[in-house]
PDB file of N, CA and C in Angstrom:
ATOM      1  N   MET A   1     196.815 166.509  88.624  1.00  0.00           N
ATOM      2  CA  MET A   1     195.479 166.302  87.561  1.00  0.00           C
ATOM      3  C   MET A   1     194.086 166.657  88.529  1.00  0.00           C
ATOM      4  N   LEU A   2     193.225 167.542  88.037  1.00  0.00           N
ATOM      5  CA  LEU A   2     191.773 167.620  88.874  1.00  0.00           C
ATOM      6  C   LEU A   2     191.063 166.270  88.819  1.00  0.00           C
ATOM      7  N   PRO A   3     190.205 165.742  89.884  1.00  0.00           N
ATOM      8  CA  PRO A   3     189.738 164.580  89.574  1.00  0.00           C
ATOM      9  C   PRO A   3     187.975 165.064  88.628  1.00  0.00           C
ATOM     10  N   ARG A   4     187.401 164.262  88.244  1.00  0.00           N
ATOM     11  CA  ARG A   4     186.517 164.189  87.865  1.00  0.00           C
ATOM     12  C   ARG A   4     185.242 164.929  88.575  1.00  0.00           C
ATOM     13  N   SER A   5     185.003 165.007  89.469  1.00  0.00           N
ATOM     14  CA  SER A   5     183.979 165.873  90.006  1.00  0.00           C
ATOM     15  C   SER A   5     184.325 167.221  90.321  1.00  0.00           C
ATOM     16  N   ALA A   6     185.591 167.173  90.143  1.00  0.00           N
ATOM     17  CA  ALA A   6     186.057 169.227  90.163  1.00  0.00           C
ATOM     18  C   ALA A   6     186.276 169.572  88.609  1.00  0.00           C
ATOM     19  N   ARG A   7     185.557 168.933  87.819  1.00  0.00           N
ATOM     20  CA  ARG A   7     185.465 169.596  85.906  1.00  0.00           C
ATOM     21  C   ARG A   7     184.188 169.835  85.868  1.00  0.00           C
ATOM     22  N   LEU A   8     184.006 170.304  85.217  1.00  0.00           N
ATOM     23  CA  LEU A   8     182.672 170.939  84.349  1.00  0.00           C
ATOM     24  C   LEU A   8     182.600 170.029  83.037  1.00  0.00           C
ATOM     25  N   HIS A   9     181.277 170.018  83.081  1.00  0.00           N
ATOM     26  CA  HIS A   9     181.538 168.931  81.752  1.00  0.00           C
ATOM     27  C   HIS A   9     179.947 169.346  80.560  1.00  0.00           C
ATOM     28  N   GLU A  10     179.100 169.966  81.387  1.00  0.00           N
ATOM     29  CA  GLU A  10     177.830 170.062  80.619  1.00  0.00           C
ATOM     30  C   GLU A  10     178.144 171.692  79.731  1.00  0.00           C
ATOM     31  N   SER A  11     177.668 171.611  78.756  1.00  0.00           N
ATOM     32  CA  SER A  11     177.852 172.864  78.055  1.00  0.00           C
ATOM     33  C   SER A  11     176.804 173.760  78.634  1.00  0.00           C
ATOM     34  N   ALA A  12     175.745 173.244  78.894  1.00  0.00           N
ATOM     35  CA  ALA A  12     174.492 174.010  80.092  1.00  0.00           C
ATOM     36  C   ALA A  12     175.591 175.071  80.910  1.00  0.00           C
ATOM     37  N   ASP A  13     176.746 174.437  81.843  1.00  0.00           N
ATOM     38  CA  ASP A  13     177.262 174.592  82.719  1.00  0.00           C
ATOM     39  C   ASP A  13     178.327 176.218  82.338  1.00  0.00           C
ATOM     40  N   PHE A  14     178.744 175.554  81.339  1.00  0.00           N
ATOM     41  CA  PHE A  14     179.767 176.477  80.370  1.00  0.00           C
ATOM     42  C   PHE A  14     179.179 177.428  79.929  1.00  0.00           C
ATOM     43  N   ARG A  15     177.858 177.615  79.861  1.00  0.00           N
ATOM     44  CA  ARG A  15     176.956 178.443  79.022  1.00  0.00           C
ATOM     45  C   ARG A  15     176.643 179.408  80.404  1.00  0.00           C
ATOM     46  N   ARG A  16     175.955 178.988  81.483  1.00  0.00           N
ATOM     47  CA  ARG A  16     175.574 179.587  82.661  1.00  0.00           C
ATOM     48  C   ARG A  16     176.410 180.281  83.195  1.00  0.00           C
ATOM     49  N   VAL A  17     178.106 180.097  83.690  1.00  0.00           N
ATOM     50  CA  VAL A  17     179.054 180.356  83.874  1.00  0.00           C
ATOM     51  C   VAL A  17     179.355 181.638  83.378  1.00  0.00           C
ATOM     52  N   THR A  18     179.858 181.635  82.019  1.00  0.00           N
ATOM     53  CA  THR A  18     180.166 182.739  80.896  1.00  0.00           C
ATOM     54  C   THR A  18     179.086 183.889  80.940  1.00  0.00           C
ATOM     55  N   ARG A  19     177.875 183.716  81.017  1.00  0.00           N
ATOM     56  CA  ARG A  19     176.865 184.756  80.833  1.00  0.00           C
ATOM     57  C   ARG A  19     176.380 185.043  82.104  1.00  0.00           C
ATOM     58  N   SER A  20     176.112 184.325  83.318  1.00  0.00           N
ATOM     59  CA  SER A  20     175.289 185.130  84.549  1.00  0.00           C
ATOM     60  C   SER A  20     176.597 185.584  85.345  1.00  0.00           C
ATOM     61  N   GLY A  21     177.913 184.792  85.318  1.00  0.00           N
ATOM     62  CA  GLY A  21     178.457 185.263  86.369  1.00  0.00           C
ATOM     63  C   GLY A  21     179.741 186.323  86.112  1.00  0.00           C
ATOM     64  N   VAL A  22     180.706 186.378  86.745  1.00  0.00           N
ATOM     65  CA  VAL A  22     181.416 187.581  86.776  1.00  0.00           C
ATOM     66  C   VAL A  22     182.916 187.168  86.071  1.00  0.00           C
ATOM     67  N   ARG A  23     183.263 188.201  85.321  1.00  0.00           N
ATOM     68  CA  ARG A  23     184.693 188.520  84.396  1.00  0.00           C
ATOM     69  C   ARG A  23     185.626 188.969  85.172  1.00  0.00           C
ATOM     70  N   ALA A  24     186.903 188.281  84.860  1.00  0.00           N
ATOM     71  CA  ALA A  24     188.593 188.955  84.714  1.00  0.00           C
ATOM     72  C   ALA A  24     189.276 188.721  84.173  1.00  0.00           C
ATOM     73  N   GLY A  25     189.345 189.771  82.958  1.00  0.00           N
ATOM     74  CA  GLY A  25     190.625 189.021  81.654  1.00  0.00           C
ATOM     75  C   GLY A  25     191.768 189.948  81.853  1.00  0.00           C
ATOM     76  N   ARG A  26     192.938 189.338  81.564  1.00  0.00           N
ATOM     77  CA  ARG A  26     194.036 189.369  81.654  1.00  0.00           C
ATOM     78  C   ARG A  26     194.667 189.040  80.027  1.00  0.00           C
ATOM     79  N   PRO A  27     195.871 189.570  79.670  1.00  0.00           N
ATOM     80  CA  PRO A  27     196.510 189.598  78.196  1.00  0.00           C
ATOM     81  C   PRO A  27     196.451 187.684  77.921  1.00  0.00           C
ATOM     82  N   THR A  28     196.544 186.787  78.839  1.00  0.00           N
ATOM     83  CA  THR A  28     196.728 185.860  78.256  1.00  0.00           C
ATOM     84  C   THR A  28     195.814 184.886  78.313  1.00  0.00           C
ATOM     85  N   LEU A  29     194.475 185.562  78.905  1.00  0.00           N
ATOM     86  CA  LEU A  29     193.073 184.468  79.615  1.00  0.00           C
ATOM     87  C   LEU A  29     192.365 185.143  80.438  1.00  0.00           C
ATOM     88  N   VAL A  30     191.126 184.750  80.013  1.00  0.00           N
ATOM     89  CA  VAL A  30     190.031 185.462  80.690  1.00  0.00           C
ATOM     90  C   VAL A  30     189.244 184.332  81.902  1.00  0.00           C
ATOM     91  N   VAL A  31     188.864 184.985  82.977  1.00  0.00           N
ATOM     92  CA  VAL A  31     188.729 183.707  84.012  1.00  0.00           C
ATOM     93  C   VAL A  31     186.651 184.127  84.441  1.00  0.00           C
ATOM     94  N   HIS A  32     186.046 183.546  83.889  1.00  0.00           N
ATOM     95  CA  HIS A  32     184.758 183.296  84.669  1.00  0.00           C
ATOM     96  C   HIS A  32     184.388 182.807  85.634  1.00  0.00           C
ATOM     97  N   ALA A  33     183.171 183.285  86.600  1.00  0.00           N
ATOM     98  CA  ALA A  33     183.346 182.523  88.082  1.00  0.00           C
ATOM     99  C   ALA A  33     181.531 182.665  88.368  1.00  0.00           C
ATOM    100  N   ALA A  34     181.135 181.970  88.843  1.00  0.00           N
ATOM    101  CA  ALA A  34     179.517 182.200  89.303  1.00  0.00           C
ATOM    102  C   ALA A  34     179.158 181.017  90.455  1.00  0.00           C
ATOM    103  N   SER A  35     178.719 181.311  91.260  1.00  0.00           N
ATOM    104  CA  SER A  35     177.992 180.427  92.116  1.00  0.00           C
ATOM    105  C   SER A  35     177.820 179.521  91.012  1.00  0.00           C
ATOM    106  N   GLY A  36     178.106 177.741  92.110  1.00  0.00           N
ATOM    107  CA  GLY A  36     178.173 176.580  91.647  1.00  0.00           C
ATOM    108  C   GLY A  36     176.537 176.342  92.073  1.00  0.00           C
ATOM    109  N   THR A  37     176.052 175.182  91.546  1.00  0.00           N
ATOM    110  CA  THR A  37     174.757 174.301  91.946  1.00  0.00           C
ATOM    111  C   THR A  37     175.614 172.767  92.467  1.00  0.00           C
ATOM    112  N   ALA A  38     176.436 172.691  92.269  1.00  0.00           N
ATOM    113  CA  ALA A  38     177.578 171.411  93.079  1.00  0.00           C
ATOM    114  C   ALA A  38     178.191 171.917  94.654  1.00  0.00           C
ATOM    115  N   PRO A  39     177.974 170.940  95.263  1.00  0.00           N
ATOM    116  CA  PRO A  39     178.546 171.064  96.438  1.00  0.00           C
ATOM    117  C   PRO A  39     180.307 171.509  96.442  1.00  0.00           C
ATOM    118  N   GLY A  40     180.867 171.038  95.279  1.00  0.00           N
ATOM    119  CA  GLY A  40     182.355 171.523  95.728  1.00  0.00           C
ATOM    120  C   GLY A  40     182.426 172.458  94.349  1.00  0.00           C
ATOM    121  N   SER A  41     183.311 172.867  94.451  1.00  0.00           N
ATOM    122  CA  SER A  41     183.944 173.851  93.197  1.00  0.00           C
ATOM    123  C   SER A  41     184.131 173.076  92.272  1.00  0.00           C
ATOM    124  N   ARG A  42     184.045 173.652  90.639  1.00  0.00           N
ATOM    125  CA  ARG A  42     184.340 172.970  89.392  1.00  0.00           C
ATOM    126  C   ARG A  42     185.190 173.890  88.316  1.00  0.00           C
ATOM    127  N   VAL A  43     185.738 173.559  87.880  1.00  0.00           N
ATOM    128  CA  VAL A  43     186.554 174.363  86.708  1.00  0.00           C
ATOM    129  C   VAL A  43     185.989 173.725  85.330  1.00  0.00           C
ATOM    130  N   GLY A  44     186.217 174.402  84.150  1.00  0.00           N
ATOM    131  CA  GLY A  44     186.254 173.995  83.042  1.00  0.00           C
ATOM    132  C   GLY A  44     186.932 175.140  82.062  1.00  0.00           C
ATOM    133  N   PHE A  45     187.501 174.373  81.401  1.00  0.00           N
ATOM    134  CA  PHE A  45     188.585 174.780  80.016  1.00  0.00           C
ATOM    135  C   PHE A  45     187.783 175.166  79.054  1.00  0.00           C
ATOM    136  N   VAL A  46     188.121 176.360  78.114  1.00  0.00           N
ATOM    137  CA  VAL A  46     188.120 176.547  76.504  1.00  0.00           C
ATOM    138  C   VAL A  46     189.310 177.476  76.305  1.00  0.00           C
ATOM    139  N   VAL A  47     189.896 176.528  75.577  1.00  0.00           N
ATOM    140  CA  VAL A  47     191.214 176.397  74.297  1.00  0.00           C
ATOM    141  C   VAL A  47     190.841 176.416  73.235  1.00  0.00           C
ATOM    142  N   SER A  48     190.595 177.629  72.205  1.00  0.00           N
ATOM    143  CA  SER A  48     190.214 177.073  70.806  1.00  0.00           C
ATOM    144  C   SER A  48     191.718 177.075  70.098  1.00  0.00           C
ATOM    145  N   LYS A  49     191.171 176.907  68.293  1.00  0.00           N
ATOM    146  CA  LYS A  49     192.102 176.961  68.006  1.00  0.00           C
ATOM    147  C   LYS A  49     192.769 178.436  67.576  1.00  0.00           C
ATOM    148  N   ALA A  50     192.584 178.995  68.141  1.00  0.00           N
ATOM    149  CA  ALA A  50     193.182 180.494  67.773  1.00  0.00           C
ATOM    150  C   ALA A  50     194.326 180.867  68.659  1.00  0.00           C
ATOM    151  N   VAL A  51     194.349 179.783  69.889  1.00  0.00           N
ATOM    152  CA  VAL A  51     195.696 179.453  70.499  1.00  0.00           C
ATOM    153  C   VAL A  51     196.468 178.897  69.991  1.00  0.00           C
ATOM    154  N   GLY A  52     196.827 177.792  69.001  1.00  0.00           N
ATOM    155  CA  GLY A  52     197.608 177.262  68.393  1.00  0.00           C
ATOM    156  C   GLY A  52     196.919 175.848  67.917  1.00  0.00           C
ATOM    157  N   GLY A  53     198.106 175.014  67.359  1.00  0.00           N
ATOM    158  CA  GLY A  53     197.899 173.749  66.856  1.00  0.00           C
ATOM    159  C   GLY A  53     197.606 172.671  68.083  1.00  0.00           C
ATOM    160  N   ALA A  54     197.332 171.719  67.847  1.00  0.00           N
ATOM    161  CA  ALA A  54     196.765 170.720  69.024  1.00  0.00           C
ATOM    162  C   ALA A  54     197.661 170.814  69.836  1.00  0.00           C
ATOM    163  N   VAL A  55     199.677 170.607  69.404  1.00  0.00           N
ATOM    164  CA  VAL A  55     199.968 170.110  70.609  1.00  0.00           C
ATOM    165  C   VAL A  55     200.347 171.904  71.189  1.00  0.00           C
ATOM    166  N   VAL A  56     200.079 172.569  71.099  1.00  0.00           N
ATOM    167  CA  VAL A  56     199.865 174.069  71.827  1.00  0.00           C
ATOM    168  C   VAL A  56     199.029 173.929  72.545  1.00  0.00           C
ATOM    169  N   ARG A  57     197.771 173.459  71.995  1.00  0.00           N
ATOM    170  CA  ARG A  57     196.625 173.903  73.026  1.00  0.00           C
ATOM    171  C   ARG A  57     196.538 172.574  74.133  1.00  0.00           C
ATOM    172  N   ASN A  58     197.284 171.543  73.554  1.00  0.00           N
ATOM    173  CA  ASN A  58     197.016 170.228  74.874  1.00  0.00           C
ATOM    174  C   ASN A  58     197.951 170.931  75.997  1.00  0.00           C
ATOM    175  N   ARG A  59     199.295 171.667  75.582  1.00  0.00           N
ATOM    176  CA  ARG A  59     200.345 171.993  76.487  1.00  0.00           C
ATOM    177  C   ARG A  59     199.651 173.041  77.241  1.00  0.00           C
ATOM    178  N   VAL A  60     198.767 173.753  76.769  1.00  0.00           N
ATOM    179  CA  VAL A  60     198.125 174.947  77.340  1.00  0.00           C
ATOM    180  C   VAL A  60     197.241 174.378  78.550  1.00  0.00           C
ATOM    181  N   LYS A  61     196.073 173.535  77.713  1.00  0.00           N
ATOM    182  CA  LYS A  61     195.697 173.032  78.995  1.00  0.00           C
ATOM    183  C   LYS A  61     196.034 171.705  80.121  1.00  0.00           C
ATOM    184  N   ARG A  62     197.144 171.518  79.901  1.00  0.00           N
ATOM    185  CA  ARG A  62     197.529 170.716  80.822  1.00  0.00           C
ATOM    186  C   ARG A  62     198.171 171.686  81.876  1.00  0.00           C
ATOM    187  N   ARG A  63     199.074 172.879  81.694  1.00  0.00           N
ATOM    188  CA  ARG A  63     199.606 173.955  82.240  1.00  0.00           C
ATOM    189  C   ARG A  63     198.399 174.507  83.301  1.00  0.00           C
ATOM    190  N   LEU A  64     197.363 174.694  82.164  1.00  0.00           N
ATOM    191  CA  LEU A  64     196.134 175.347  83.185  1.00  0.00           C
ATOM    192  C   LEU A  64     195.912 174.798  84.416  1.00  0.00           C
ATOM    193  N   ARG A  65     195.554 173.321  84.040  1.00  0.00           N
ATOM    194  CA  ARG A  65     194.721 172.308  84.761  1.00  0.00           C
ATOM    195  C   ARG A  65     195.535 172.415  86.499  1.00  0.00           C
ATOM    196  N   HIS A  66     197.168 172.226  86.101  1.00  0.00           N
ATOM    197  CA  HIS A  66     197.998 172.235  87.237  1.00  0.00           C
ATOM    198  C   HIS A  66     198.165 173.624  87.782  1.00  0.00           C
ATOM    199  N   LEU A  67     198.007 174.622  86.944  1.00  0.00           N
ATOM    200  CA  LEU A  67     197.788 175.826  88.185  1.00  0.00           C
ATOM    201  C   LEU A  67     196.335 175.929  88.515  1.00  0.00           C
ATOM    202  N   VAL A  68     195.352 175.543  87.929  1.00  0.00           N
ATOM    203  CA  VAL A  68     194.090 176.054  88.724  1.00  0.00           C
ATOM    204  C   VAL A  68     194.085 174.946  90.058  1.00  0.00           C
ATOM    205  N   ALA A  69     194.473 173.831  89.943  1.00  0.00           N
ATOM    206  CA  ALA A  69     194.827 172.906  91.026  1.00  0.00           C
ATOM    207  C   ALA A  69     194.728 173.317  92.302  1.00  0.00           C
ATOM    208  N   ALA A  70     196.262 174.254  92.124  1.00  0.00           N
ATOM    209  CA  ALA A  70     196.664 174.664  93.172  1.00  0.00           C
ATOM    210  C   ALA A  70     195.825 176.037  93.746  1.00  0.00           C
ATOM    211  N   GLN A  71     194.909 176.600  92.970  1.00  0.00           N
ATOM    212  CA  GLN A  71     194.162 177.657  93.157  1.00  0.00           C
ATOM    213  C   GLN A  71     192.833 177.233  93.779  1.00  0.00           C
ATOM    214  N   LEU A  72     192.624 176.203  93.620  1.00  0.00           N
ATOM    215  CA  LEU A  72     191.173 175.668  94.135  1.00  0.00           C
ATOM    216  C   LEU A  72     191.500 175.014  95.819  1.00  0.00           C
ATOM    217  N   VAL A  73     192.756 175.290  96.060  1.00  0.00           N
ATOM    218  CA  VAL A  73     193.165 174.448  97.826  1.00  0.00           C
ATOM    219  C   VAL A  73     192.465 175.852  98.333  1.00  0.00           C
ATOM    220  N   GLY A  74     193.033 177.209  98.292  1.00  0.00           N
ATOM    221  CA  GLY A  74     192.338 178.314  99.014  1.00  0.00           C
ATOM    222  C   GLY A  74     191.037 179.016  98.221  1.00  0.00           C
ATOM    223  N   SER A  75     190.567 178.336  97.359  1.00  0.00           N
ATOM    224  CA  SER A  75     188.956 178.725  97.273  1.00  0.00           C
ATOM    225  C   SER A  75     187.809 178.310  97.895  1.00  0.00           C
ATOM    226  N   PRO A  76     187.222 179.099  98.046  1.00  0.00           N
ATOM    227  CA  PRO A  76     185.719 178.842  98.770  1.00  0.00           C
ATOM    228  C   PRO A  76     184.884 177.678  98.183  1.00  0.00           C
ATOM    229  N   THR A  77     184.087 176.807  98.613  1.00  0.00           N
ATOM    230  CA  THR A  77     183.601 175.822  98.030  1.00  0.00           C
ATOM    231  C   THR A  77     182.349 176.389  97.235  1.00  0.00           C
ATOM    232  N   GLY A  78     181.828 175.870  95.945  1.00  0.00           N
ATOM    233  CA  GLY A  78     180.548 175.720  95.833  1.00  0.00           C
ATOM    234  C   GLY A  78     180.683 177.038  94.202  1.00  0.00           C
ATOM    235  N   LEU A  79     181.774 176.664  94.028  1.00  0.00           N
ATOM    236  CA  LEU A  79     182.206 177.952  93.068  1.00  0.00           C
ATOM    237  C   LEU A  79     182.258 177.017  91.578  1.00  0.00           C
ATOM    238  N   ASP A  80     181.851 177.804  90.743  1.00  0.00           N
ATOM    239  CA  ASP A  80     182.023 176.861  89.132  1.00  0.00           C
ATOM    240  C   ASP A  80     182.567 178.220  88.419  1.00  0.00           C
ATOM    241  N   VAL A  81     184.028 177.420  87.793  1.00  0.00           N
ATOM    242  CA  VAL A  81     185.251 178.721  86.993  1.00  0.00           C
ATOM    243  C   VAL A  81     185.281 178.400  85.379  1.00  0.00           C
ATOM    244  N   VAL A  82     185.276 179.216  84.361  1.00  0.00           N
ATOM    245  CA  VAL A  82     185.785 178.859  83.041  1.00  0.00           C
ATOM    246  C   VAL A  82     186.676 179.577  82.748  1.00  0.00           C
ATOM    247  N   VAL A  83     187.897 179.041  82.651  1.00  0.00           N
ATOM    248  CA  VAL A  83     189.076 179.756  82.106  1.00  0.00           C
ATOM    249  C   VAL A  83     189.237 179.568  80.399  1.00  0.00           C
ATOM    250  N   ARG A  84     189.225 180.629  80.315  1.00  0.00           N
ATOM    251  CA  ARG A  84     189.527 180.822  78.640  1.00  0.00           C
ATOM    252  C   ARG A  84     190.719 181.100  78.410  1.00  0.00           C
ATOM    253  N   ALA A  85     191.596 180.119  77.375  1.00  0.00           N
ATOM    254  CA  ALA A  85     192.641 180.817  77.143  1.00  0.00           C
ATOM    255  C   ALA A  85     192.734 181.547  76.020  1.00  0.00           C
ATOM    256  N   LEU A  86     193.397 182.809  75.651  1.00  0.00           N
ATOM    257  CA  LEU A  86     193.559 183.329  74.727  1.00  0.00           C
ATOM    258  C   LEU A  86     194.647 183.475  73.642  1.00  0.00           C
ATOM    259  N   PRO A  87     195.140 183.943  72.670  1.00  0.00           N
ATOM    260  CA  PRO A  87     196.077 183.227  71.557  1.00  0.00           C
ATOM    261  C   PRO A  87     197.300 183.554  72.175  1.00  0.00           C
ATOM    262  N   ALA A  88     197.150 184.948  73.333  1.00  0.00           N
ATOM    263  CA  ALA A  88     198.787 185.008  73.734  1.00  0.00           C
ATOM    264  C   ALA A  88     198.864 184.182  75.181  1.00  0.00           C
ATOM    265  N   ALA A  89     198.512 183.168  75.262  1.00  0.00           N
ATOM    266  CA  ALA A  89     198.534 181.880  76.590  1.00  0.00           C
ATOM    267  C   ALA A  89     199.581 180.902  75.681  1.00  0.00           C
ATOM    268  N   GLY A  90     199.253 180.874  74.342  1.00  0.00           N
ATOM    269  CA  GLY A  90     200.284 179.846  73.542  1.00  0.00           C
ATOM    270  C   GLY A  90     201.667 180.201  73.332  1.00  0.00           C
ATOM    271  N   THR A  91     201.941 181.829  72.967  1.00  0.00           N
ATOM    272  CA  THR A  91     202.839 182.466  72.466  1.00  0.00           C
ATOM    273  C   THR A  91     204.214 182.983  73.843  1.00  0.00           C
ATOM    274  N   SER A  92     203.216 183.169  75.064  1.00  0.00           N
ATOM    275  CA  SER A  92     204.021 183.345  76.420  1.00  0.00           C
ATOM    276  C   SER A  92     203.676 182.708  77.340  1.00  0.00           C
ATOM    277  N   PRO A  93     204.152 181.382  77.627  1.00  0.00           N
ATOM    278  CA  PRO A  93     203.299 180.276  78.646  1.00  0.00           C
ATOM    279  C   PRO A  93     203.718 181.181  79.747  1.00  0.00           C
ATOM    280  N   VAL A  94     204.834 181.830  80.107  1.00  0.00           N
ATOM    281  CA  VAL A  94     205.371 181.861  81.413  1.00  0.00           C
ATOM    282  C   VAL A  94     204.332 183.026  81.895  1.00  0.00           C
ATOM    283  N   ARG A  95     204.083 183.708  81.503  1.00  0.00           N
ATOM    284  CA  ARG A  95     202.821 184.916  81.744  1.00  0.00           C
ATOM    285  C   ARG A  95     201.577 184.344  82.326  1.00  0.00           C
ATOM    286  N   VAL A  96     201.289 182.985  81.693  1.00  0.00           N
ATOM    287  CA  VAL A  96     200.276 182.713  82.104  1.00  0.00           C
ATOM    288  C   VAL A  96     200.116 182.213  83.563  1.00  0.00           C
ATOM    289  N   GLU A  97     200.974 182.247  84.319  1.00  0.00           N
ATOM    290  CA  GLU A  97     200.673 181.505  85.727  1.00  0.00           C
ATOM    291  C   GLU A  97     200.544 182.707  86.738  1.00  0.00           C
ATOM    292  N   THR A  98     200.760 184.239  86.638  1.00  0.00           N
ATOM    293  CA  THR A  98     200.949 185.231  87.034  1.00  0.00           C
ATOM    294  C   THR A  98     199.232 186.090  86.620  1.00  0.00           C
ATOM    295  N   ASP A  99     198.988 185.731  85.202  1.00  0.00           N
ATOM    296  CA  ASP A  99     197.456 185.969  85.016  1.00  0.00           C
ATOM    297  C   ASP A  99     196.650 185.477  85.684  1.00  0.00           C
ATOM    298  N   LEU A 100     196.583 184.161  85.727  1.00  0.00           N
ATOM    299  CA  LEU A 100     195.886 183.257  86.110  1.00  0.00           C
ATOM    300  C   LEU A 100     195.692 183.248  87.472  1.00  0.00           C
ATOM    301  N   ALA A 101     196.469 183.567  88.627  1.00  0.00           N
ATOM    302  CA  ALA A 101     196.175 184.276  89.733  1.00  0.00           C
ATOM    303  C   ALA A 101     196.029 185.236  90.062  1.00  0.00           C
ATOM    304  N   SER A 102     196.134 186.358  89.492  1.00  0.00           N
ATOM    305  CA  SER A 102     195.275 187.313  89.157  1.00  0.00           C
ATOM    306  C   SER A 102     193.907 187.796  88.907  1.00  0.00           C
ATOM    307  N   ALA A 103     193.448 187.123  88.174  1.00  0.00           N
ATOM    308  CA  ALA A 103     192.366 186.943  87.508  1.00  0.00           C
ATOM    309  C   ALA A 103     191.376 186.342  88.176  1.00  0.00           C
ATOM    310  N   TRP A 104     191.919 185.178  89.116  1.00  0.00           N
ATOM    311  CA  TRP A 104     190.984 184.280  89.833  1.00  0.00           C
ATOM    312  C   TRP A 104     191.101 185.212  91.146  1.00  0.00           C
ATOM    313  N   ARG A 105     191.810 186.145  91.292  1.00  0.00           N
ATOM    314  CA  ARG A 105     191.718 186.769  92.899  1.00  0.00           C
ATOM    315  C   ARG A 105     190.353 187.842  92.443  1.00  0.00           C
ATOM    316  N   GLN A 106     190.469 188.466  91.602  1.00  0.00           N
ATOM    317  CA  GLN A 106     189.483 189.343  91.034  1.00  0.00           C
ATOM    318  C   GLN A 106     188.485 188.910  90.959  1.00  0.00           C
ATOM    319  N   ALA A 107     188.424 187.559  90.385  1.00  0.00           N
ATOM    320  CA  ALA A 107     186.853 187.274  89.507  1.00  0.00           C
ATOM    321  C   ALA A 107     186.288 186.633  90.994  1.00  0.00           C
ATOM    322  N   ARG A 108     187.237 186.016  92.265  1.00  0.00           N
ATOM    323  CA  ARG A 108     186.591 185.414  93.364  1.00  0.00           C
ATOM    324  C   ARG A 108     186.315 186.809  94.023  1.00  0.00           C
ATOM    325  N   ASN A 109     187.064 188.096  94.229  1.00  0.00           N
ATOM    326  CA  ASN A 109     186.688 188.853  94.881  1.00  0.00           C
ATOM    327  C   ASN A 109     185.439 189.817  94.387  1.00  0.00           C
ATOM    328  N   ARG A 110     185.213 189.424  92.880  1.00  0.00           N
ATOM    329  CA  ARG A 110     183.525 189.947  92.737  1.00  0.00           C
ATOM    330  C   ARG A 110     182.371 189.724  92.797  1.00  0.00           C
ATOM    331  N   LEU A 111     182.723 187.805  93.146  1.00  0.00           N
ATOM    332  CA  LEU A 111     181.748 187.351  93.254  1.00  0.00           C
ATOM    333  C   LEU A 111     181.547 187.535  94.450  1.00  0.00           C
ATOM    334  N   SER A 112     182.110 187.700  95.281  1.00  0.00           N
ATOM    335  CA  SER A 112     181.499 187.480  97.220  1.00  0.00           C
ATOM    336  C   SER A 112     182.818 188.710  97.556  1.00  0.00           C
ATOM    337  N   PRO A 113     182.295 190.075  97.549  1.00  0.00           N
ATOM    338  CA  PRO A 113     182.976 190.929  98.109  1.00  0.00           C
ATOM    339  C   PRO A 113     183.003 191.145  99.669  1.00  0.00           C
ATOM    340  N   GLY A 114     184.057 191.773 100.123  1.00  0.00           N
ATOM    341  CA  GLY A 114     184.201 191.809 101.311  1.00  0.00           C
ATOM    342  C   GLY A 114     183.429 192.819 101.896  1.00  0.00           C
ATOM    343  N   PRO A 115     183.446 193.207 103.402  1.00  0.00           N
ATOM    344  CA  PRO A 115     182.567 194.809 103.270  1.00  0.00           C
ATOM    345  C   PRO A 115     182.980 195.962 102.494  1.00  0.00           C
ATOM    346  N   THR A 116     182.375 196.766 102.370  1.00  0.00           N
ATOM    347  CA  THR A 116     182.968 197.679 101.528  1.00  0.00           C
ATOM    348  C   THR A 116     183.624 199.057 102.918  1.00  0.00           C
ATOM    349  N   PRO A 117     184.665 199.884 102.292  1.00  0.00           N
ATOM    350  CA  PRO A 117     185.007 200.610 103.351  1.00  0.00           C
ATOM    351  C   PRO A 117     183.959 202.258 103.490  1.00  0.00           C
ATOM    352  N   VAL A 118     184.169 202.256 104.617  1.00  0.00           N
ATOM    353  CA  VAL A 118     183.081 203.509 105.379  1.00  0.00           C
ATOM    354  C   VAL A 118     184.150 205.142 104.786  1.00  0.00           C
ATOM    355  N   SER A 119     183.881 205.657 104.193  1.00  0.00           N
ATOM    356  CA  SER A 119     184.279 206.839 103.887  1.00  0.00           C
ATOM    357  C   SER A 119     183.861 207.559 104.625  1.00  0.00           C
ATOM    358  N   PRO A 120     184.908 208.978 104.703  1.00  0.00           N
ATOM    359  CA  PRO A 120     184.384 209.916 106.275  1.00  0.00           C
ATOM    360  C   PRO A 120     184.082 210.526 105.860  1.00  0.00           C
TER     361      PRO A 120
END
């Protein structure tokens, strides 16, 4: 479970991250990331009715919270992330874990790219 301090709550924060941050999309979800305003990293989730009924949406949110808690351990501090589940997240939950790890890594790399390789 994510502690309260590690969650996004304000709609303005969700809007800022989704509009001004970087985006990495996969078939089951989209990860938006931006530099945060709080000292620690924070995460928010968007799971619409297109994903499924209430039972399916809650199952997807619980799974995402569990998977994101593991991703936060290795992430830099001061990062705000919004994870938006797509309808495929409700129908193919097995793929969500690999998609989240891949999209998280790509968004983090786009936000703070490493040194660029020098071409000969």
